[in-house]
């Protein structure tokens, strides 16, 4: 077998392997959210920020800087860095995510869990609430 044919065979096998891996990871049903529950007291946390344009713009900027790489630009858990994570990043468009209280989402942002980082020491409290408000824009 010539080198060119061998090279093309390796490229074809690699491409098929990558496609199989990618398609098997598109289902986010076993994402972080399916088993990750915030404590009941988190539900009692009240969002102090209004869902106005200024707060949403700030939340979107933070999301794009801190979250989109794993959760994807449209919040579907399909970010480029999220493909290799286990559990998969949460799909924020799902009804079960949007049904959670603002307090539960805030708690999860604050506390994190492997592989998601905790943001309580990275982002100020108002920034985390801005992110919660922005996550609400991903409702289907």
C-alpha atoms as a PDB file:
ATOM      1  CA  UNK A   1       0.000   0.000   0.000  1.00  0.00           C
ATOM      2  CA  UNK A   2       1.402   3.372  -0.966  1.00  0.00           C
ATOM      3  CA  UNK A   3       1.945   6.076   1.602  1.00  0.00           C
ATOM      4  CA  UNK A   4      -0.787   8.245   0.034  1.00  0.00           C
ATOM      5  CA  UNK A   5      -3.399   5.484   0.270  1.00  0.00           C
ATOM      6  CA  UNK A   6      -2.323   4.683   3.825  1.00  0.00           C
ATOM      7  CA  UNK A   7      -2.559   8.363   4.770  1.00  0.00           C
ATOM      8  CA  UNK A   8      -6.065   8.676   3.279  1.00  0.00           C
ATOM      9  CA  UNK A   9      -7.152   5.529   5.121  1.00  0.00           C
ATOM     10  CA  UNK A  10      -5.912   6.949   8.445  1.00  0.00           C
ATOM     11  CA  UNK A  11      -7.673  10.274   7.780  1.00  0.00           C
ATOM     12  CA  UNK A  12     -10.935   8.473   6.918  1.00  0.00           C
ATOM     13  CA  UNK A  13     -10.803   6.284  10.032  1.00  0.00           C
ATOM     14  CA  UNK A  14      -9.986   9.299  12.217  1.00  0.00           C
ATOM     15  CA  UNK A  15     -12.853  11.301  10.729  1.00  0.00           C
ATOM     16  CA  UNK A  16     -15.349   8.479  11.249  1.00  0.00           C
ATOM     17  CA  UNK A  17     -14.157   8.006  14.833  1.00  0.00           C
ATOM     18  CA  UNK A  18     -14.536  11.713  15.535  1.00  0.00           C
ATOM     19  CA  UNK A  19     -18.035  11.772  14.033  1.00  0.00           C
ATOM     20  CA  UNK A  20     -19.089   8.758  16.089  1.00  0.00           C
ATOM     21  CA  UNK A  21     -17.710  10.338  19.273  1.00  0.00           C
ATOM     22  CA  UNK A  22     -19.373  13.686  18.551  1.00  0.00           C
ATOM     23  CA  UNK A  23     -22.800  12.240  17.766  1.00  0.00           C
ATOM     24  CA  UNK A  24     -22.717  10.078  20.877  1.00  0.00           C
ATOM     25  CA  UNK A  25     -22.138  13.183  22.984  1.00  0.00           C
ATOM     26  CA  UNK A  26     -24.962  15.323  21.596  1.00  0.00           C
ATOM     27  CA  UNK A  27     -27.545  13.967  24.029  1.00  0.00           C
ATOM     28  CA  UNK A  28     -27.418  16.040  27.202  1.00  0.00           C
ATOM     29  CA  UNK A  29     -29.947  13.920  29.059  1.00  0.00           C
ATOM     30  CA  UNK A  30     -27.221  12.885  31.504  1.00  0.00           C
ATOM     31  CA  UNK A  31     -26.014  16.415  32.073  1.00  0.00           C
ATOM     32  CA  UNK A  32     -25.068  18.085  35.334  1.00  0.00           C
ATOM     33  CA  UNK A  33     -28.644  19.045  35.957  1.00  0.00           C
ATOM     34  CA  UNK A  34     -30.221  15.592  35.849  1.00  0.00           C
ATOM     35  CA  UNK A  35     -28.792  14.602  39.234  1.00  0.00           C
ATOM     36  CA  UNK A  36     -27.578  17.884  40.695  1.00  0.00           C
ATOM     37  CA  UNK A  37     -30.084  19.310  43.151  1.00  0.00           C
ATOM     38  CA  UNK A  38     -29.644  22.503  45.125  1.00  0.00           C
ATOM     39  CA  UNK A  39     -30.559  22.331  48.821  1.00  0.00           C
ATOM     40  CA  UNK A  40     -34.083  23.430  49.775  1.00  0.00           C
ATOM     41  CA  UNK A  41     -32.792  26.597  51.460  1.00  0.00           C
ATOM     42  CA  UNK A  42     -31.413  27.717  48.075  1.00  0.00           C
ATOM     43  CA  UNK A  43     -34.991  27.908  46.778  1.00  0.00           C
ATOM     44  CA  UNK A  44     -35.655  30.618  49.356  1.00  0.00           C
ATOM     45  CA  UNK A  45     -32.946  32.923  47.969  1.00  0.00           C
ATOM     46  CA  UNK A  46     -34.614  35.842  46.220  1.00  0.00           C
ATOM     47  CA  UNK A  47     -33.158  37.511  43.165  1.00  0.00           C
ATOM     48  CA  UNK A  48     -32.536  41.173  44.080  1.00  0.00           C
ATOM     49  CA  UNK A  49     -32.032  42.301  40.479  1.00  0.00           C
ATOM     50  CA  UNK A  50     -34.698  43.298  38.027  1.00  0.00           C
ATOM     51  CA  UNK A  51     -34.706  41.511  34.679  1.00  0.00           C
ATOM     52  CA  UNK A  52     -34.156  44.760  32.799  1.00  0.00           C
ATOM     53  CA  UNK A  53     -32.099  45.414  29.704  1.00  0.00           C
ATOM     54  CA  UNK A  54     -29.020  46.717  31.515  1.00  0.00           C
ATOM     55  CA  UNK A  55     -28.784  43.689  33.814  1.00  0.00           C
ATOM     56  CA  UNK A  56     -29.351  41.282  30.913  1.00  0.00           C
ATOM     57  CA  UNK A  57     -26.579  42.931  28.886  1.00  0.00           C
ATOM     58  CA  UNK A  58     -24.186  42.515  31.819  1.00  0.00           C
ATOM     59  CA  UNK A  59     -25.317  38.911  32.277  1.00  0.00           C
ATOM     60  CA  UNK A  60     -24.847  38.144  28.582  1.00  0.00           C
ATOM     61  CA  UNK A  61     -21.329  39.572  28.648  1.00  0.00           C
ATOM     62  CA  UNK A  62     -20.439  37.454  31.689  1.00  0.00           C
ATOM     63  CA  UNK A  63     -22.020  34.372  30.109  1.00  0.00           C
ATOM     64  CA  UNK A  64     -20.010  34.808  26.916  1.00  0.00           C
ATOM     65  CA  UNK A  65     -16.795  35.272  28.914  1.00  0.00           C
ATOM     66  CA  UNK A  66     -17.261  32.577  31.547  1.00  0.00           C
ATOM     67  CA  UNK A  67     -19.882  30.041  30.455  1.00  0.00           C
ATOM     68  CA  UNK A  68     -20.306  29.782  26.688  1.00  0.00           C
ATOM     69  CA  UNK A  69     -17.125  27.785  26.154  1.00  0.00           C
ATOM     70  CA  UNK A  70     -18.764  24.834  27.963  1.00  0.00           C
ATOM     71  CA  UNK A  71     -22.507  25.567  27.790  1.00  0.00           C
ATOM     72  CA  UNK A  72     -22.511  26.890  24.208  1.00  0.00           C
ATOM     73  CA  UNK A  73     -23.499  30.249  22.767  1.00  0.00           C
ATOM     74  CA  UNK A  74     -27.194  29.330  22.877  1.00  0.00           C
ATOM     75  CA  UNK A  75     -27.055  27.606  26.276  1.00  0.00           C
ATOM     76  CA  UNK A  76     -27.662  24.094  24.958  1.00  0.00           C
ATOM     77  CA  UNK A  77     -24.695  22.513  26.758  1.00  0.00           C
ATOM     78  CA  UNK A  78     -22.864  22.095  23.471  1.00  0.00           C
ATOM     79  CA  UNK A  79     -19.855  24.352  23.937  1.00  0.00           C
ATOM     80  CA  UNK A  80     -16.548  23.278  22.462  1.00  0.00           C
ATOM     81  CA  UNK A  81     -14.916  22.681  25.868  1.00  0.00           C
ATOM     82  CA  UNK A  82     -17.984  20.884  27.204  1.00  0.00           C
ATOM     83  CA  UNK A  83     -17.742  17.993  24.739  1.00  0.00           C
ATOM     84  CA  UNK A  84     -15.078  16.257  26.803  1.00  0.00           C
ATOM     85  CA  UNK A  85     -16.680  16.836  30.204  1.00  0.00           C
ATOM     86  CA  UNK A  86     -18.485  14.255  32.301  1.00  0.00           C
ATOM     87  CA  UNK A  87     -21.138  14.996  33.331  1.00  0.00           C
ATOM     88  CA  UNK A  88     -22.022  17.121  30.335  1.00  0.00           C
ATOM     89  CA  UNK A  89     -22.721  20.837  30.821  1.00  0.00           C
ATOM     90  CA  UNK A  90     -26.326  21.700  31.567  1.00  0.00           C
ATOM     91  CA  UNK A  91     -28.636  22.558  28.673  1.00  0.00           C
ATOM     92  CA  UNK A  92     -30.270  25.776  29.884  1.00  0.00           C
ATOM     93  CA  UNK A  93     -33.090  25.528  27.327  1.00  0.00           C
ATOM     94  CA  UNK A  94     -34.560  22.444  29.020  1.00  0.00           C
ATOM     95  CA  UNK A  95     -37.829  22.838  30.919  1.00  0.00           C
ATOM     96  CA  UNK A  96     -36.444  21.144  34.039  1.00  0.00           C
ATOM     97  CA  UNK A  97     -33.677  23.760  34.241  1.00  0.00           C
ATOM     98  CA  UNK A  98     -36.007  26.688  33.670  1.00  0.00           C
ATOM     99  CA  UNK A  99     -38.393  25.285  36.307  1.00  0.00           C
ATOM    100  CA  UNK A 100     -35.744  25.731  39.003  1.00  0.00           C
ATOM    101  CA  UNK A 101     -35.907  28.781  41.212  1.00  0.00           C
ATOM    102  CA  UNK A 102     -33.544  31.692  40.719  1.00  0.00           C
ATOM    103  CA  UNK A 103     -32.117  30.790  44.114  1.00  0.00           C
ATOM    104  CA  UNK A 104     -31.286  27.239  43.022  1.00  0.00           C
ATOM    105  CA  UNK A 105     -29.507  28.480  39.897  1.00  0.00           C
ATOM    106  CA  UNK A 106     -27.658  31.110  41.938  1.00  0.00           C
ATOM    107  CA  UNK A 107     -26.573  28.445  44.439  1.00  0.00           C
ATOM    108  CA  UNK A 108     -25.260  26.192  41.666  1.00  0.00           C
ATOM    109  CA  UNK A 109     -23.307  29.078  40.113  1.00  0.00           C
ATOM    110  CA  UNK A 110     -21.899  29.932  43.514  1.00  0.00           C
ATOM    111  CA  UNK A 111     -20.996  26.441  44.699  1.00  0.00           C
ATOM    112  CA  UNK A 112     -20.141  24.603  41.490  1.00  0.00           C
ATOM    113  CA  UNK A 113     -19.305  20.906  41.383  1.00  0.00           C
ATOM    114  CA  UNK A 114     -16.893  18.837  39.364  1.00  0.00           C
ATOM    115  CA  UNK A 115     -16.311  19.586  36.539  1.00  0.00           C
ATOM    116  CA  UNK A 116     -17.993  23.005  36.914  1.00  0.00           C
ATOM    117  CA  UNK A 117     -16.077  25.617  38.860  1.00  0.00           C
ATOM    118  CA  UNK A 118     -17.449  27.504  41.846  1.00  0.00           C
ATOM    119  CA  UNK A 119     -17.922  31.180  41.062  1.00  0.00           C
ATOM    120  CA  UNK A 120     -18.539  32.549  44.564  1.00  0.00           C
ATOM    121  CA  UNK A 121     -14.931  33.742  44.841  1.00  0.00           C
ATOM    122  CA  UNK A 122     -14.587  34.667  41.164  1.00  0.00           C
ATOM    123  CA  UNK A 123     -17.762  36.667  40.546  1.00  0.00           C
ATOM    124  CA  UNK A 124     -19.428  39.201  42.807  1.00  0.00           C
ATOM    125  CA  UNK A 125     -22.893  38.379  44.101  1.00  0.00           C
ATOM    126  CA  UNK A 126     -24.611  40.819  41.734  1.00  0.00           C
ATOM    127  CA  UNK A 127     -22.717  39.306  38.787  1.00  0.00           C
ATOM    128  CA  UNK A 128     -24.002  35.844  39.668  1.00  0.00           C
ATOM    129  CA  UNK A 129     -27.564  37.202  39.812  1.00  0.00           C
ATOM    130  CA  UNK A 130     -26.987  38.870  36.421  1.00  0.00           C
ATOM    131  CA  UNK A 131     -26.041  35.451  35.070  1.00  0.00           C
ATOM    132  CA  UNK A 132     -29.207  33.925  36.548  1.00  0.00           C
ATOM    133  CA  UNK A 133     -31.265  36.590  34.780  1.00  0.00           C
ATOM    134  CA  UNK A 134     -29.466  35.904  31.515  1.00  0.00           C
ATOM    135  CA  UNK A 135     -29.966  32.137  31.847  1.00  0.00           C
ATOM    136  CA  UNK A 136     -33.713  32.833  31.848  1.00  0.00           C
ATOM    137  CA  UNK A 137     -33.411  34.124  28.268  1.00  0.00           C
ATOM    138  CA  UNK A 138     -32.708  30.557  27.125  1.00  0.00           C
ATOM    139  CA  UNK A 139     -36.315  29.461  27.735  1.00  0.00           C
ATOM    140  CA  UNK A 140     -37.696  27.580  24.729  1.00  0.00           C
END
